[in-house]
Amino acid sequence: MASPKKKAFALRLDPGVHAAVERIAAAELRSANAQIEILLREALSARGVKMPIAKPAKRGRPPRDT
């Protein structure tokens, strides 16, 4: 499920671009969606666009209520 802080939208990609993104994502053990976000952040950074640092996703099980 998407985080409430993330914006969801449809993205149309050329099949060759999508296949390349999926190959890179698999090699880096990421989803294609996460890989696209990383590629976009890298492109924005290369253009000098300042971006806030994203918090890493929480991992593991949620704490047990006692």
C-alpha atoms as a PDB file:
ATOM      1  CA  MET A   1       0.000   0.000   0.000  1.00  0.00           C
ATOM      2  CA  ALA A   2       1.280   3.484  -0.797  1.00  0.00           C
ATOM      3  CA  SER A   3       2.248   5.791   2.017  1.00  0.00           C
ATOM      4  CA  PRO A   4      -0.275   8.604   2.562  1.00  0.00           C
ATOM      5  CA  LYS A   5       2.570  11.075   1.932  1.00  0.00           C
ATOM      6  CA  LYS A   6       3.270   9.727  -1.575  1.00  0.00           C
ATOM      7  CA  LYS A   7       1.485  10.986  -4.685  1.00  0.00           C
ATOM      8  CA  ALA A   8       0.109   8.246  -6.925  1.00  0.00           C
ATOM      9  CA  PHE A   9      -0.356   8.826 -10.650  1.00  0.00           C
ATOM     10  CA  ALA A  10      -0.374   6.902 -13.924  1.00  0.00           C
ATOM     11  CA  LEU A  11       2.850   6.942 -15.923  1.00  0.00           C
ATOM     12  CA  ARG A  12       3.055   5.873 -19.560  1.00  0.00           C
ATOM     13  CA  LEU A  13       6.459   4.538 -20.561  1.00  0.00           C
ATOM     14  CA  ASP A  14       7.917   3.179 -23.747  1.00  0.00           C
ATOM     15  CA  PRO A  15       8.168  -0.616 -23.319  1.00  0.00           C
ATOM     16  CA  GLY A  16      11.936  -0.508 -23.850  1.00  0.00           C
ATOM     17  CA  VAL A  17      12.377   2.120 -21.123  1.00  0.00           C
ATOM     18  CA  HIS A  18      10.204   0.108 -18.754  1.00  0.00           C
ATOM     19  CA  ALA A  19      12.192  -3.066 -19.452  1.00  0.00           C
ATOM     20  CA  ALA A  20      15.462  -1.224 -18.761  1.00  0.00           C
ATOM     21  CA  VAL A  21      14.110   0.178 -15.479  1.00  0.00           C
ATOM     22  CA  GLU A  22      12.956  -3.298 -14.433  1.00  0.00           C
ATOM     23  CA  ARG A  23      16.411  -4.765 -15.201  1.00  0.00           C
ATOM     24  CA  ILE A  24      18.173  -2.095 -13.147  1.00  0.00           C
ATOM     25  CA  ALA A  25      15.654  -2.467 -10.322  1.00  0.00           C
ATOM     26  CA  ALA A  26      16.105  -6.239 -10.208  1.00  0.00           C
ATOM     27  CA  ALA A  27      19.887  -5.876 -10.128  1.00  0.00           C
ATOM     28  CA  GLU A  28      19.597  -3.455  -7.193  1.00  0.00           C
ATOM     29  CA  LEU A  29      16.851  -5.474  -5.413  1.00  0.00           C
ATOM     30  CA  ARG A  30      14.249  -2.716  -5.724  1.00  0.00           C
ATOM     31  CA  SER A  31      10.806  -2.408  -7.217  1.00  0.00           C
ATOM     32  CA  ALA A  32      10.466  -0.687 -10.561  1.00  0.00           C
ATOM     33  CA  ASN A  33       8.545   2.096  -8.804  1.00  0.00           C
ATOM     34  CA  ALA A  34      11.354   2.692  -6.289  1.00  0.00           C
ATOM     35  CA  GLN A  35      13.903   2.632  -9.116  1.00  0.00           C
ATOM     36  CA  ILE A  36      11.969   5.261 -11.094  1.00  0.00           C
ATOM     37  CA  GLU A  37      11.879   7.490  -8.009  1.00  0.00           C
ATOM     38  CA  ILE A  38      15.647   7.103  -7.537  1.00  0.00           C
ATOM     39  CA  LEU A  39      16.296   7.888 -11.204  1.00  0.00           C
ATOM     40  CA  LEU A  40      14.092  10.988 -10.991  1.00  0.00           C
ATOM     41  CA  ARG A  41      15.870  12.175  -7.829  1.00  0.00           C
ATOM     42  CA  GLU A  42      19.273  11.677  -9.524  1.00  0.00           C
ATOM     43  CA  ALA A  43      18.125  13.622 -12.591  1.00  0.00           C
ATOM     44  CA  LEU A  44      16.786  16.477 -10.449  1.00  0.00           C
ATOM     45  CA  SER A  45      20.014  16.587  -8.451  1.00  0.00           C
ATOM     46  CA  ALA A  46      22.057  16.708 -11.670  1.00  0.00           C
ATOM     47  CA  ARG A  47      20.025  19.771 -12.696  1.00  0.00           C
ATOM     48  CA  GLY A  48      20.694  21.459  -9.377  1.00  0.00           C
ATOM     49  CA  VAL A  49      17.204  21.051  -7.958  1.00  0.00           C
ATOM     50  CA  LYS A  50      17.306  20.923  -4.160  1.00  0.00           C
ATOM     51  CA  MET A  51      15.235  18.095  -2.713  1.00  0.00           C
ATOM     52  CA  PRO A  52      14.577  17.226   0.917  1.00  0.00           C
ATOM     53  CA  ILE A  53      16.177  13.944   1.946  1.00  0.00           C
ATOM     54  CA  ALA A  54      13.549  11.222   2.024  1.00  0.00           C
ATOM     55  CA  LYS A  55      13.100   9.233   5.213  1.00  0.00           C
ATOM     56  CA  PRO A  56      13.823   5.543   4.703  1.00  0.00           C
ATOM     57  CA  ALA A  57      10.848   3.231   4.955  1.00  0.00           C
ATOM     58  CA  LYS A  58      10.265   1.537   8.296  1.00  0.00           C
ATOM     59  CA  ARG A  59      11.248  -2.106   8.188  1.00  0.00           C
ATOM     60  CA  GLY A  60      10.311  -5.089  10.271  1.00  0.00           C
ATOM     61  CA  ARG A  61       7.288  -5.928  12.296  1.00  0.00           C
ATOM     62  CA  PRO A  62       5.333  -3.265  14.110  1.00  0.00           C
ATOM     63  CA  PRO A  63       5.754  -3.239  17.896  1.00  0.00           C
ATOM     64  CA  ARG A  64       3.500  -5.655  19.743  1.00  0.00           C
ATOM     65  CA  ASP A  65       0.855  -4.158  22.035  1.00  0.00           C
ATOM     66  CA  THR A  66       1.296  -5.533  25.550  1.00  0.00           C
END
